[in-house]
């Protein structure tokens, strides 16, 4: 997934890009600028906090006994890394051009590509589990196990790292008008073009088709099935698995809805540049930036779904803060006792 770099070093006014009669483009430019400067850091900070908290909860002793929580933990981890990289990119707005420095440039690009790959395929894994819970509940206790989930998470992570090692040498820093810019390397244009098509297939086309098909089937099933049918002749384990389906479905739908504008726009860009002589305009780039920021919201929305629809997550959240409160209270008591002993002696 591409990250758009806001070039603070060459700030120009909107009038430099658009004529006074081009009011629609001017509005889009201002909207993209405001969303980049003010909305993007809020997404990064709020999303990072939510993902770190979620990671601790899903990997806690009680919740890591469920396979779905292993995937959700992986989703939280790669979401955290992505948001850190995104925040480093945003720092350019404040004048900190870390992303345009050697090594930092390649590292940030690599992290964003890998985390985008892992995010979409973890969502696919979560949706597949939801599909099994919905259509093959009796087999879920066999297929949806923690050891299998750990193997899948490790395998997907390894595949993502191997695929995107290419961007470490396909990207770099170039000097443009006296400023260093992090961009793709011009030394292997054909290879970079082929890689773009591969990335589009493995991160955009293939997982999107799978998600739309599975989520569509799950939604149809939920429209026809009744609560009484769900609860008949189910074991305690199976009933607990059924309760998970709502939050898993919300995660899948959230990803599809928020990523759709960015994905559709990216396909339009690829078709435009590959089969026509037309090149993206400033208006196209503004729309792309707006759609990208909408996509970034997927990394902080899941935390809200966990709180709203997962009883176990709320319990884990409560235990996490109660534990921290107890630890703080214990430290205060110990410090008080030590002060008393010093006063006595």
C-alpha atoms as a PDB file:
ATOM      1  CA  UNK A   1       0.000   0.000   0.000  1.00  0.00           C
ATOM      2  CA  UNK A   2       1.394   3.301  -1.108  1.00  0.00           C
ATOM      3  CA  UNK A   3       1.898   6.118   1.390  1.00  0.00           C
ATOM      4  CA  UNK A   4       1.699   9.633   0.057  1.00  0.00           C
ATOM      5  CA  UNK A   5       4.511  11.886   1.213  1.00  0.00           C
ATOM      6  CA  UNK A   6       3.559  15.443   2.069  1.00  0.00           C
ATOM      7  CA  UNK A   7       6.460  17.523   0.814  1.00  0.00           C
ATOM      8  CA  UNK A   8       6.762  20.299   3.376  1.00  0.00           C
ATOM      9  CA  UNK A   9      10.061  21.485   1.975  1.00  0.00           C
ATOM     10  CA  UNK A  10       8.401  22.700  -1.197  1.00  0.00           C
ATOM     11  CA  UNK A  11       5.144  24.081   0.123  1.00  0.00           C
ATOM     12  CA  UNK A  12       3.215  26.050  -2.415  1.00  0.00           C
ATOM     13  CA  UNK A  13      -0.060  27.869  -2.236  1.00  0.00           C
ATOM     14  CA  UNK A  14      -3.189  26.508  -3.829  1.00  0.00           C
ATOM     15  CA  UNK A  15      -3.072  29.328  -6.352  1.00  0.00           C
ATOM     16  CA  UNK A  16       0.145  27.842  -7.770  1.00  0.00           C
ATOM     17  CA  UNK A  17      -1.747  24.691  -8.705  1.00  0.00           C
ATOM     18  CA  UNK A  18      -5.217  25.867  -9.666  1.00  0.00           C
ATOM     19  CA  UNK A  19      -6.750  28.779 -11.474  1.00  0.00           C
ATOM     20  CA  UNK A  20      -9.334  30.902  -9.696  1.00  0.00           C
ATOM     21  CA  UNK A  21     -12.070  29.312 -11.840  1.00  0.00           C
ATOM     22  CA  UNK A  22     -11.122  25.770 -10.788  1.00  0.00           C
ATOM     23  CA  UNK A  23     -13.144  25.920  -7.564  1.00  0.00           C
ATOM     24  CA  UNK A  24     -13.799  22.152  -7.238  1.00  0.00           C
ATOM     25  CA  UNK A  25     -10.106  21.294  -7.485  1.00  0.00           C
ATOM     26  CA  UNK A  26      -9.245  24.052  -5.047  1.00  0.00           C
ATOM     27  CA  UNK A  27     -11.721  22.656  -2.502  1.00  0.00           C
ATOM     28  CA  UNK A  28     -10.264  19.161  -2.904  1.00  0.00           C
ATOM     29  CA  UNK A  29      -6.757  20.517  -2.433  1.00  0.00           C
ATOM     30  CA  UNK A  30      -7.713  22.343   0.762  1.00  0.00           C
ATOM     31  CA  UNK A  31      -9.590  19.290   2.064  1.00  0.00           C
ATOM     32  CA  UNK A  32      -6.638  16.976   1.372  1.00  0.00           C
ATOM     33  CA  UNK A  33      -4.278  19.455   3.030  1.00  0.00           C
ATOM     34  CA  UNK A  34      -6.422  19.802   6.174  1.00  0.00           C
ATOM     35  CA  UNK A  35      -6.915  16.024   6.460  1.00  0.00           C
ATOM     36  CA  UNK A  36      -3.175  15.442   6.058  1.00  0.00           C
ATOM     37  CA  UNK A  37      -2.106  18.051   8.592  1.00  0.00           C
ATOM     38  CA  UNK A  38      -4.771  17.513  11.273  1.00  0.00           C
ATOM     39  CA  UNK A  39      -6.637  14.216  10.771  1.00  0.00           C
ATOM     40  CA  UNK A  40      -3.691  11.947   9.932  1.00  0.00           C
ATOM     41  CA  UNK A  41      -1.793  12.503  13.238  1.00  0.00           C
ATOM     42  CA  UNK A  42      -4.990  11.912  15.228  1.00  0.00           C
ATOM     43  CA  UNK A  43      -5.473   8.602  13.408  1.00  0.00           C
ATOM     44  CA  UNK A  44      -1.842   7.668  14.096  1.00  0.00           C
ATOM     45  CA  UNK A  45      -1.880   8.491  17.824  1.00  0.00           C
ATOM     46  CA  UNK A  46      -5.371   7.159  18.614  1.00  0.00           C
ATOM     47  CA  UNK A  47      -4.867   4.073  16.456  1.00  0.00           C
ATOM     48  CA  UNK A  48      -1.467   3.313  17.950  1.00  0.00           C
ATOM     49  CA  UNK A  49      -2.844   3.534  21.495  1.00  0.00           C
ATOM     50  CA  UNK A  50      -5.810   1.315  20.623  1.00  0.00           C
ATOM     51  CA  UNK A  51      -3.689  -1.267  18.812  1.00  0.00           C
ATOM     52  CA  UNK A  52      -1.110  -1.528  21.604  1.00  0.00           C
ATOM     53  CA  UNK A  53      -3.843  -1.994  24.212  1.00  0.00           C
ATOM     54  CA  UNK A  54      -5.553  -4.564  21.970  1.00  0.00           C
ATOM     55  CA  UNK A  55      -2.285  -6.440  21.488  1.00  0.00           C
ATOM     56  CA  UNK A  56      -1.745  -6.779  25.247  1.00  0.00           C
ATOM     57  CA  UNK A  57      -5.332  -7.951  25.750  1.00  0.00           C
ATOM     58  CA  UNK A  58      -5.431 -10.497  22.903  1.00  0.00           C
ATOM     59  CA  UNK A  59      -2.111 -11.995  23.974  1.00  0.00           C
ATOM     60  CA  UNK A  60      -3.137 -12.167  27.636  1.00  0.00           C
ATOM     61  CA  UNK A  61      -3.372 -15.564  29.301  1.00  0.00           C
ATOM     62  CA  UNK A  62      -7.153 -15.899  28.957  1.00  0.00           C
ATOM     63  CA  UNK A  63      -7.750 -14.562  25.442  1.00  0.00           C
ATOM     64  CA  UNK A  64      -4.852 -16.193  23.625  1.00  0.00           C
ATOM     65  CA  UNK A  65      -6.589 -19.560  24.057  1.00  0.00           C
ATOM     66  CA  UNK A  66      -8.843 -18.743  21.070  1.00  0.00           C
ATOM     67  CA  UNK A  67      -7.514 -18.937  17.508  1.00  0.00           C
ATOM     68  CA  UNK A  68      -9.360 -15.793  16.374  1.00  0.00           C
ATOM     69  CA  UNK A  69      -7.570 -13.768  19.036  1.00  0.00           C
ATOM     70  CA  UNK A  70      -4.210 -14.883  17.632  1.00  0.00           C
ATOM     71  CA  UNK A  71      -5.171 -13.316  14.293  1.00  0.00           C
ATOM     72  CA  UNK A  72      -6.528 -10.220  16.042  1.00  0.00           C
ATOM     73  CA  UNK A  73      -3.286  -9.937  17.998  1.00  0.00           C
ATOM     74  CA  UNK A  74      -1.313 -10.131  14.743  1.00  0.00           C
ATOM     75  CA  UNK A  75      -3.624  -7.529  13.214  1.00  0.00           C
ATOM     76  CA  UNK A  76      -3.016  -5.214  16.171  1.00  0.00           C
ATOM     77  CA  UNK A  77       0.764  -5.692  15.967  1.00  0.00           C
ATOM     78  CA  UNK A  78       1.084  -4.897  12.251  1.00  0.00           C
ATOM     79  CA  UNK A  79      -1.399  -2.039  12.678  1.00  0.00           C
ATOM     80  CA  UNK A  80       0.855  -0.540  15.350  1.00  0.00           C
ATOM     81  CA  UNK A  81       3.951  -0.777  13.140  1.00  0.00           C
ATOM     82  CA  UNK A  82       2.109   0.724  10.173  1.00  0.00           C
ATOM     83  CA  UNK A  83       0.891   3.688  12.231  1.00  0.00           C
ATOM     84  CA  UNK A  84       4.398   4.330  13.585  1.00  0.00           C
ATOM     85  CA  UNK A  85       5.711   4.442  10.011  1.00  0.00           C
ATOM     86  CA  UNK A  86       2.804   6.651   8.956  1.00  0.00           C
ATOM     87  CA  UNK A  87       3.511   9.060  11.806  1.00  0.00           C
ATOM     88  CA  UNK A  88       7.169   9.287  10.791  1.00  0.00           C
ATOM     89  CA  UNK A  89       5.984  10.232   7.299  1.00  0.00           C
ATOM     90  CA  UNK A  90       3.612  12.842   8.735  1.00  0.00           C
ATOM     91  CA  UNK A  91       6.450  14.442  10.733  1.00  0.00           C
ATOM     92  CA  UNK A  92       7.507  16.086   7.484  1.00  0.00           C
ATOM     93  CA  UNK A  93       4.622  18.507   8.035  1.00  0.00           C
ATOM     94  CA  UNK A  94       6.472  19.781  11.123  1.00  0.00           C
ATOM     95  CA  UNK A  95       9.751  20.070   9.210  1.00  0.00           C
ATOM     96  CA  UNK A  96      11.239  16.748  10.384  1.00  0.00           C
ATOM     97  CA  UNK A  97      12.087  15.119   7.042  1.00  0.00           C
ATOM     98  CA  UNK A  98      13.177  11.770   8.486  1.00  0.00           C
ATOM     99  CA  UNK A  99      11.423   9.815   5.740  1.00  0.00           C
ATOM    100  CA  UNK A 100      13.650  11.438   3.111  1.00  0.00           C
ATOM    101  CA  UNK A 101      16.883  10.317   4.775  1.00  0.00           C
ATOM    102  CA  UNK A 102      18.858   7.266   3.590  1.00  0.00           C
ATOM    103  CA  UNK A 103      18.071   3.995   5.420  1.00  0.00           C
ATOM    104  CA  UNK A 104      14.999   5.597   7.020  1.00  0.00           C
ATOM    105  CA  UNK A 105      13.437   5.907   3.577  1.00  0.00           C
ATOM    106  CA  UNK A 106      13.874   2.218   2.672  1.00  0.00           C
ATOM    107  CA  UNK A 107      12.913   1.039   6.161  1.00  0.00           C
ATOM    108  CA  UNK A 108       9.671   3.039   6.295  1.00  0.00           C
ATOM    109  CA  UNK A 109       8.662   1.961   2.790  1.00  0.00           C
ATOM    110  CA  UNK A 110       9.420  -1.685   3.640  1.00  0.00           C
ATOM    111  CA  UNK A 111       7.412  -1.569   6.879  1.00  0.00           C
ATOM    112  CA  UNK A 112       4.387   0.028   5.190  1.00  0.00           C
ATOM    113  CA  UNK A 113       4.345  -2.530   2.374  1.00  0.00           C
ATOM    114  CA  UNK A 114       4.756  -5.528   4.686  1.00  0.00           C
ATOM    115  CA  UNK A 115       2.193  -4.277   7.214  1.00  0.00           C
ATOM    116  CA  UNK A 116      -0.337  -3.537   4.466  1.00  0.00           C
ATOM    117  CA  UNK A 117       0.127  -7.078   3.158  1.00  0.00           C
ATOM    118  CA  UNK A 118      -0.198  -8.605   6.632  1.00  0.00           C
ATOM    119  CA  UNK A 119      -3.223  -6.479   7.516  1.00  0.00           C
ATOM    120  CA  UNK A 120      -5.313  -7.529   4.550  1.00  0.00           C
ATOM    121  CA  UNK A 121      -4.376 -11.217   4.826  1.00  0.00           C
ATOM    122  CA  UNK A 122      -5.001 -11.312   8.584  1.00  0.00           C
ATOM    123  CA  UNK A 123      -8.442  -9.854   7.837  1.00  0.00           C
ATOM    124  CA  UNK A 124      -8.892 -12.632   5.259  1.00  0.00           C
ATOM    125  CA  UNK A 125      -7.894 -15.241   7.879  1.00  0.00           C
ATOM    126  CA  UNK A 126     -10.358 -13.726  10.348  1.00  0.00           C
ATOM    127  CA  UNK A 127     -13.130 -13.777   7.739  1.00  0.00           C
ATOM    128  CA  UNK A 128     -12.349 -17.380   6.789  1.00  0.00           C
ATOM    129  CA  UNK A 129     -12.697 -18.355  10.449  1.00  0.00           C
ATOM    130  CA  UNK A 130     -15.972 -16.460  10.597  1.00  0.00           C
ATOM    131  CA  UNK A 131     -17.135 -18.363   7.505  1.00  0.00           C
ATOM    132  CA  UNK A 132     -16.267 -21.666   9.191  1.00  0.00           C
ATOM    133  CA  UNK A 133     -18.129 -20.622  12.354  1.00  0.00           C
ATOM    134  CA  UNK A 134     -21.165 -19.701  10.263  1.00  0.00           C
ATOM    135  CA  UNK A 135     -21.350 -22.613   7.805  1.00  0.00           C
ATOM    136  CA  UNK A 136     -19.302 -25.436   9.348  1.00  0.00           C
ATOM    137  CA  UNK A 137     -19.574 -24.895  13.083  1.00  0.00           C
ATOM    138  CA  UNK A 138     -19.122 -28.575  13.942  1.00  0.00           C
ATOM    139  CA  UNK A 139     -15.744 -28.569  12.194  1.00  0.00           C
ATOM    140  CA  UNK A 140     -14.591 -25.314  13.765  1.00  0.00           C
ATOM    141  CA  UNK A 141     -13.176 -27.026  16.839  1.00  0.00           C
ATOM    142  CA  UNK A 142     -10.851 -28.967  14.530  1.00  0.00           C
ATOM    143  CA  UNK A 143      -9.834 -26.326  11.986  1.00  0.00           C
ATOM    144  CA  UNK A 144      -9.860 -23.227  14.193  1.00  0.00           C
ATOM    145  CA  UNK A 145      -7.240 -24.057  16.804  1.00  0.00           C
ATOM    146  CA  UNK A 146      -4.536 -21.953  18.408  1.00  0.00           C
ATOM    147  CA  UNK A 147      -1.576 -24.011  17.084  1.00  0.00           C
ATOM    148  CA  UNK A 148      -2.916 -23.773  13.514  1.00  0.00           C
ATOM    149  CA  UNK A 149      -3.493 -20.032  13.924  1.00  0.00           C
ATOM    150  CA  UNK A 150       0.085 -19.501  15.139  1.00  0.00           C
ATOM    151  CA  UNK A 151       1.478 -21.447  12.173  1.00  0.00           C
ATOM    152  CA  UNK A 152      -0.623 -19.408   9.725  1.00  0.00           C
ATOM    153  CA  UNK A 153       0.368 -16.081  11.309  1.00  0.00           C
ATOM    154  CA  UNK A 154       4.067 -16.980  11.190  1.00  0.00           C
ATOM    155  CA  UNK A 155       3.783 -18.278   7.604  1.00  0.00           C
ATOM    156  CA  UNK A 156       1.943 -15.200   6.315  1.00  0.00           C
ATOM    157  CA  UNK A 157       4.477 -12.948   8.051  1.00  0.00           C
ATOM    158  CA  UNK A 158       7.404 -14.813   6.487  1.00  0.00           C
ATOM    159  CA  UNK A 159       5.823 -14.647   3.017  1.00  0.00           C
ATOM    160  CA  UNK A 160       5.205 -10.906   3.372  1.00  0.00           C
ATOM    161  CA  UNK A 161       8.792 -10.221   4.421  1.00  0.00           C
ATOM    162  CA  UNK A 162      10.207 -12.262   1.535  1.00  0.00           C
ATOM    163  CA  UNK A 163       7.952 -10.673  -1.108  1.00  0.00           C
ATOM    164  CA  UNK A 164       8.688  -7.100  -0.061  1.00  0.00           C
ATOM    165  CA  UNK A 165      12.434  -7.391   0.440  1.00  0.00           C
ATOM    166  CA  UNK A 166      12.449  -6.067  -3.111  1.00  0.00           C
ATOM    167  CA  UNK A 167      11.424  -2.564  -1.989  1.00  0.00           C
ATOM    168  CA  UNK A 168      14.584  -2.243   0.111  1.00  0.00           C
ATOM    169  CA  UNK A 169      16.636  -1.740  -3.053  1.00  0.00           C
ATOM    170  CA  UNK A 170      13.821  -0.560  -5.344  1.00  0.00           C
ATOM    171  CA  UNK A 171      13.380   2.610  -3.280  1.00  0.00           C
ATOM    172  CA  UNK A 172      15.885   5.246  -2.293  1.00  0.00           C
ATOM    173  CA  UNK A 173      16.695   8.916  -1.822  1.00  0.00           C
ATOM    174  CA  UNK A 174      17.215  11.239  -4.790  1.00  0.00           C
ATOM    175  CA  UNK A 175      17.983  14.955  -4.913  1.00  0.00           C
ATOM    176  CA  UNK A 176      15.361  17.131  -6.614  1.00  0.00           C
ATOM    177  CA  UNK A 177      15.879  20.906  -6.754  1.00  0.00           C
ATOM    178  CA  UNK A 178      18.201  20.804  -3.776  1.00  0.00           C
ATOM    179  CA  UNK A 179      15.937  18.611  -1.619  1.00  0.00           C
ATOM    180  CA  UNK A 180      16.285  14.893  -0.882  1.00  0.00           C
ATOM    181  CA  UNK A 181      13.153  12.923  -1.784  1.00  0.00           C
ATOM    182  CA  UNK A 182      12.276   9.328  -0.866  1.00  0.00           C
ATOM    183  CA  UNK A 183      10.973   7.701  -4.033  1.00  0.00           C
ATOM    184  CA  UNK A 184      11.231   4.579  -6.166  1.00  0.00           C
ATOM    185  CA  UNK A 185      14.535   3.855  -7.863  1.00  0.00           C
ATOM    186  CA  UNK A 186      14.845   4.759 -11.525  1.00  0.00           C
ATOM    187  CA  UNK A 187      17.513   2.127 -12.193  1.00  0.00           C
ATOM    188  CA  UNK A 188      15.044  -0.752 -12.688  1.00  0.00           C
ATOM    189  CA  UNK A 189      11.821   0.780 -14.065  1.00  0.00           C
ATOM    190  CA  UNK A 190      10.543  -2.396 -15.737  1.00  0.00           C
ATOM    191  CA  UNK A 191      11.101  -4.529 -12.621  1.00  0.00           C
ATOM    192  CA  UNK A 192       9.392  -1.878 -10.474  1.00  0.00           C
ATOM    193  CA  UNK A 193       6.421  -1.861 -12.856  1.00  0.00           C
ATOM    194  CA  UNK A 194       6.084  -5.647 -12.667  1.00  0.00           C
ATOM    195  CA  UNK A 195       6.331  -5.502  -8.877  1.00  0.00           C
ATOM    196  CA  UNK A 196       3.527  -2.912  -8.800  1.00  0.00           C
ATOM    197  CA  UNK A 197       1.252  -5.329 -10.672  1.00  0.00           C
ATOM    198  CA  UNK A 198       2.182  -8.188  -8.322  1.00  0.00           C
ATOM    199  CA  UNK A 199       1.510  -6.003  -5.285  1.00  0.00           C
ATOM    200  CA  UNK A 200      -1.855  -4.972  -6.728  1.00  0.00           C
ATOM    201  CA  UNK A 201      -2.865  -8.615  -7.160  1.00  0.00           C
ATOM    202  CA  UNK A 202      -1.691  -9.962  -3.779  1.00  0.00           C
ATOM    203  CA  UNK A 203      -2.800  -6.983  -1.655  1.00  0.00           C
ATOM    204  CA  UNK A 204      -5.760  -5.620  -3.578  1.00  0.00           C
ATOM    205  CA  UNK A 205      -7.463  -7.863  -6.140  1.00  0.00           C
ATOM    206  CA  UNK A 206      -7.164 -11.366  -4.673  1.00  0.00           C
ATOM    207  CA  UNK A 207      -7.971 -10.594  -0.996  1.00  0.00           C
ATOM    208  CA  UNK A 208     -10.762  -8.187  -2.008  1.00  0.00           C
ATOM    209  CA  UNK A 209     -12.482 -10.874  -4.101  1.00  0.00           C
ATOM    210  CA  UNK A 210     -12.164 -13.385  -1.245  1.00  0.00           C
ATOM    211  CA  UNK A 211     -13.477 -10.917   1.348  1.00  0.00           C
ATOM    212  CA  UNK A 212     -16.452  -9.788  -0.729  1.00  0.00           C
ATOM    213  CA  UNK A 213     -17.488 -13.382  -1.474  1.00  0.00           C
ATOM    214  CA  UNK A 214     -17.123 -14.634   2.101  1.00  0.00           C
ATOM    215  CA  UNK A 215     -18.703 -11.580   3.765  1.00  0.00           C
ATOM    216  CA  UNK A 216     -21.578 -11.695   1.276  1.00  0.00           C
ATOM    217  CA  UNK A 217     -22.221 -15.364   2.080  1.00  0.00           C
ATOM    218  CA  UNK A 218     -22.027 -14.720   5.842  1.00  0.00           C
ATOM    219  CA  UNK A 219     -24.445 -11.782   5.641  1.00  0.00           C
ATOM    220  CA  UNK A 220     -26.958 -13.833   3.635  1.00  0.00           C
ATOM    221  CA  UNK A 221     -26.681 -16.653   6.157  1.00  0.00           C
ATOM    222  CA  UNK A 222     -27.278 -14.267   9.069  1.00  0.00           C
ATOM    223  CA  UNK A 223     -30.348 -12.822   7.359  1.00  0.00           C
ATOM    224  CA  UNK A 224     -31.958 -16.252   7.052  1.00  0.00           C
ATOM    225  CA  UNK A 225     -30.922 -17.922  10.293  1.00  0.00           C
ATOM    226  CA  UNK A 226     -32.758 -17.321  13.582  1.00  0.00           C
ATOM    227  CA  UNK A 227     -31.433 -17.184  17.119  1.00  0.00           C
ATOM    228  CA  UNK A 228     -33.275 -20.367  18.040  1.00  0.00           C
ATOM    229  CA  UNK A 229     -31.615 -22.227  15.164  1.00  0.00           C
ATOM    230  CA  UNK A 230     -28.197 -21.012  16.310  1.00  0.00           C
ATOM    231  CA  UNK A 231     -28.680 -22.271  19.862  1.00  0.00           C
ATOM    232  CA  UNK A 232     -30.107 -25.714  19.119  1.00  0.00           C
ATOM    233  CA  UNK A 233     -27.873 -28.649  19.913  1.00  0.00           C
ATOM    234  CA  UNK A 234     -24.649 -26.685  20.298  1.00  0.00           C
ATOM    235  CA  UNK A 235     -21.937 -27.510  22.778  1.00  0.00           C
ATOM    236  CA  UNK A 236     -20.607 -24.864  25.146  1.00  0.00           C
ATOM    237  CA  UNK A 237     -17.491 -24.491  22.990  1.00  0.00           C
ATOM    238  CA  UNK A 238     -19.572 -24.044  19.831  1.00  0.00           C
ATOM    239  CA  UNK A 239     -21.804 -21.444  21.487  1.00  0.00           C
ATOM    240  CA  UNK A 240     -18.732 -19.432  22.467  1.00  0.00           C
ATOM    241  CA  UNK A 241     -17.509 -19.582  18.869  1.00  0.00           C
ATOM    242  CA  UNK A 242     -20.854 -18.265  17.586  1.00  0.00           C
ATOM    243  CA  UNK A 243     -20.548 -15.201  19.843  1.00  0.00           C
ATOM    244  CA  UNK A 244     -17.275 -14.291  18.131  1.00  0.00           C
ATOM    245  CA  UNK A 245     -18.852 -14.017  14.664  1.00  0.00           C
ATOM    246  CA  UNK A 246     -20.323 -10.540  15.160  1.00  0.00           C
ATOM    247  CA  UNK A 247     -17.057  -8.743  15.898  1.00  0.00           C
ATOM    248  CA  UNK A 248     -15.223 -10.730  13.189  1.00  0.00           C
ATOM    249  CA  UNK A 249     -17.883  -9.760  10.650  1.00  0.00           C
ATOM    250  CA  UNK A 250     -17.619  -6.096  11.693  1.00  0.00           C
ATOM    251  CA  UNK A 251     -13.834  -6.163  11.164  1.00  0.00           C
ATOM    252  CA  UNK A 252     -14.217  -7.611   7.674  1.00  0.00           C
ATOM    253  CA  UNK A 253     -16.931  -5.164   6.615  1.00  0.00           C
ATOM    254  CA  UNK A 254     -15.012  -2.229   8.102  1.00  0.00           C
ATOM    255  CA  UNK A 255     -11.910  -3.104   6.099  1.00  0.00           C
ATOM    256  CA  UNK A 256     -13.794  -3.573   2.829  1.00  0.00           C
ATOM    257  CA  UNK A 257     -15.793  -0.342   3.169  1.00  0.00           C
ATOM    258  CA  UNK A 258     -12.926   1.938   4.244  1.00  0.00           C
ATOM    259  CA  UNK A 259     -10.373   0.505   1.838  1.00  0.00           C
ATOM    260  CA  UNK A 260     -12.684   0.374  -1.209  1.00  0.00           C
ATOM    261  CA  UNK A 261     -12.272   4.045  -2.284  1.00  0.00           C
ATOM    262  CA  UNK A 262      -8.478   3.840  -2.092  1.00  0.00           C
ATOM    263  CA  UNK A 263      -8.321   0.479  -3.873  1.00  0.00           C
ATOM    264  CA  UNK A 264     -10.675   1.522  -6.680  1.00  0.00           C
ATOM    265  CA  UNK A 265      -8.707   4.720  -7.163  1.00  0.00           C
ATOM    266  CA  UNK A 266      -5.432   2.804  -7.276  1.00  0.00           C
ATOM    267  CA  UNK A 267      -6.767   0.464  -9.976  1.00  0.00           C
ATOM    268  CA  UNK A 268      -7.919   3.518 -11.928  1.00  0.00           C
ATOM    269  CA  UNK A 269      -4.393   4.976 -11.654  1.00  0.00           C
ATOM    270  CA  UNK A 270      -2.797   1.754 -12.892  1.00  0.00           C
ATOM    271  CA  UNK A 271      -5.150   1.489 -15.860  1.00  0.00           C
ATOM    272  CA  UNK A 272      -4.686   5.193 -16.642  1.00  0.00           C
ATOM    273  CA  UNK A 273      -0.887   5.019 -16.692  1.00  0.00           C
ATOM    274  CA  UNK A 274      -0.600   1.585 -18.340  1.00  0.00           C
ATOM    275  CA  UNK A 275      -3.078   1.865 -21.204  1.00  0.00           C
ATOM    276  CA  UNK A 276      -3.488   5.588 -21.883  1.00  0.00           C
ATOM    277  CA  UNK A 277      -1.315   8.630 -22.301  1.00  0.00           C
ATOM    278  CA  UNK A 278      -3.267  10.488 -19.611  1.00  0.00           C
ATOM    279  CA  UNK A 279      -1.329  11.206 -16.437  1.00  0.00           C
ATOM    280  CA  UNK A 280      -2.740  11.887 -12.939  1.00  0.00           C
ATOM    281  CA  UNK A 281      -3.578  15.529 -12.316  1.00  0.00           C
ATOM    282  CA  UNK A 282      -3.296  17.462  -9.075  1.00  0.00           C
ATOM    283  CA  UNK A 283      -7.007  16.781  -8.551  1.00  0.00           C
ATOM    284  CA  UNK A 284      -6.376  13.040  -8.897  1.00  0.00           C
ATOM    285  CA  UNK A 285      -3.573  13.238  -6.353  1.00  0.00           C
ATOM    286  CA  UNK A 286      -5.757  15.146  -3.915  1.00  0.00           C
ATOM    287  CA  UNK A 287      -8.487  12.506  -4.209  1.00  0.00           C
ATOM    288  CA  UNK A 288      -5.897   9.793  -3.729  1.00  0.00           C
ATOM    289  CA  UNK A 289      -4.656  11.438  -0.528  1.00  0.00           C
ATOM    290  CA  UNK A 290      -8.201  11.782   0.833  1.00  0.00           C
ATOM    291  CA  UNK A 291      -8.994   8.145   0.056  1.00  0.00           C
ATOM    292  CA  UNK A 292      -5.708   7.049   1.642  1.00  0.00           C
ATOM    293  CA  UNK A 293      -6.557   8.817   4.903  1.00  0.00           C
ATOM    294  CA  UNK A 294      -9.985   7.161   4.882  1.00  0.00           C
ATOM    295  CA  UNK A 295      -8.166   3.834   4.509  1.00  0.00           C
ATOM    296  CA  UNK A 296      -5.907   4.674   7.469  1.00  0.00           C
ATOM    297  CA  UNK A 297      -9.032   4.811   9.643  1.00  0.00           C
ATOM    298  CA  UNK A 298      -9.257   1.002   9.428  1.00  0.00           C
ATOM    299  CA  UNK A 299      -6.278   0.849  11.800  1.00  0.00           C
ATOM    300  CA  UNK A 300      -8.102   2.598  14.640  1.00  0.00           C
ATOM    301  CA  UNK A 301     -11.763   1.583  14.064  1.00  0.00           C
ATOM    302  CA  UNK A 302     -11.294  -2.044  15.150  1.00  0.00           C
ATOM    303  CA  UNK A 303     -10.661  -1.020  18.759  1.00  0.00           C
ATOM    304  CA  UNK A 304     -14.188   0.437  18.890  1.00  0.00           C
ATOM    305  CA  UNK A 305     -15.671  -2.804  17.539  1.00  0.00           C
ATOM    306  CA  UNK A 306     -13.843  -4.808  20.197  1.00  0.00           C
ATOM    307  CA  UNK A 307     -15.286  -2.611  22.951  1.00  0.00           C
ATOM    308  CA  UNK A 308     -18.809  -2.592  21.519  1.00  0.00           C
ATOM    309  CA  UNK A 309     -19.263  -6.271  20.675  1.00  0.00           C
ATOM    310  CA  UNK A 310     -16.660  -8.376  22.485  1.00  0.00           C
ATOM    311  CA  UNK A 311     -17.494  -9.206  26.083  1.00  0.00           C
ATOM    312  CA  UNK A 312     -14.169 -10.975  26.588  1.00  0.00           C
ATOM    313  CA  UNK A 313     -12.268  -7.948  25.268  1.00  0.00           C
ATOM    314  CA  UNK A 314     -14.080  -5.651  27.706  1.00  0.00           C
ATOM    315  CA  UNK A 315     -13.246  -8.024  30.533  1.00  0.00           C
ATOM    316  CA  UNK A 316      -9.612  -8.109  29.458  1.00  0.00           C
ATOM    317  CA  UNK A 317      -9.573  -4.310  29.223  1.00  0.00           C
ATOM    318  CA  UNK A 318     -10.986  -4.053  32.723  1.00  0.00           C
ATOM    319  CA  UNK A 319      -8.449  -6.536  34.087  1.00  0.00           C
ATOM    320  CA  UNK A 320      -5.615  -4.665  32.366  1.00  0.00           C
ATOM    321  CA  UNK A 321      -6.462  -1.354  34.008  1.00  0.00           C
ATOM    322  CA  UNK A 322      -7.352  -2.912  37.362  1.00  0.00           C
ATOM    323  CA  UNK A 323      -3.988  -4.726  37.323  1.00  0.00           C
ATOM    324  CA  UNK A 324      -2.134  -1.480  36.580  1.00  0.00           C
ATOM    325  CA  UNK A 325      -4.081   0.277  39.319  1.00  0.00           C
ATOM    326  CA  UNK A 326      -3.257  -2.474  41.817  1.00  0.00           C
ATOM    327  CA  UNK A 327       0.425  -2.373  40.822  1.00  0.00           C
ATOM    328  CA  UNK A 328       0.462   1.402  41.267  1.00  0.00           C
ATOM    329  CA  UNK A 329      -1.242   1.046  44.657  1.00  0.00           C
ATOM    330  CA  UNK A 330       1.250  -1.628  45.736  1.00  0.00           C
ATOM    331  CA  UNK A 331       4.217   0.530  44.721  1.00  0.00           C
ATOM    332  CA  UNK A 332       2.761   3.478  46.642  1.00  0.00           C
ATOM    333  CA  UNK A 333       2.293   1.282  49.729  1.00  0.00           C
ATOM    334  CA  UNK A 334       5.846  -0.059  49.475  1.00  0.00           C
ATOM    335  CA  UNK A 335       7.242   3.438  49.086  1.00  0.00           C
ATOM    336  CA  UNK A 336       5.204   4.590  52.095  1.00  0.00           C
ATOM    337  CA  UNK A 337       6.484   1.715  54.231  1.00  0.00           C
ATOM    338  CA  UNK A 338      10.060   2.468  53.215  1.00  0.00           C
ATOM    339  CA  UNK A 339       9.648   6.123  54.162  1.00  0.00           C
ATOM    340  CA  UNK A 340       8.200   5.105  57.539  1.00  0.00           C
ATOM    341  CA  UNK A 341      11.162   2.796  58.193  1.00  0.00           C
ATOM    342  CA  UNK A 342      13.607   5.568  57.290  1.00  0.00           C
ATOM    343  CA  UNK A 343      11.812   7.938  59.685  1.00  0.00           C
ATOM    344  CA  UNK A 344      11.936   5.375  62.515  1.00  0.00           C
ATOM    345  CA  UNK A 345      15.624   4.639  62.010  1.00  0.00           C
END
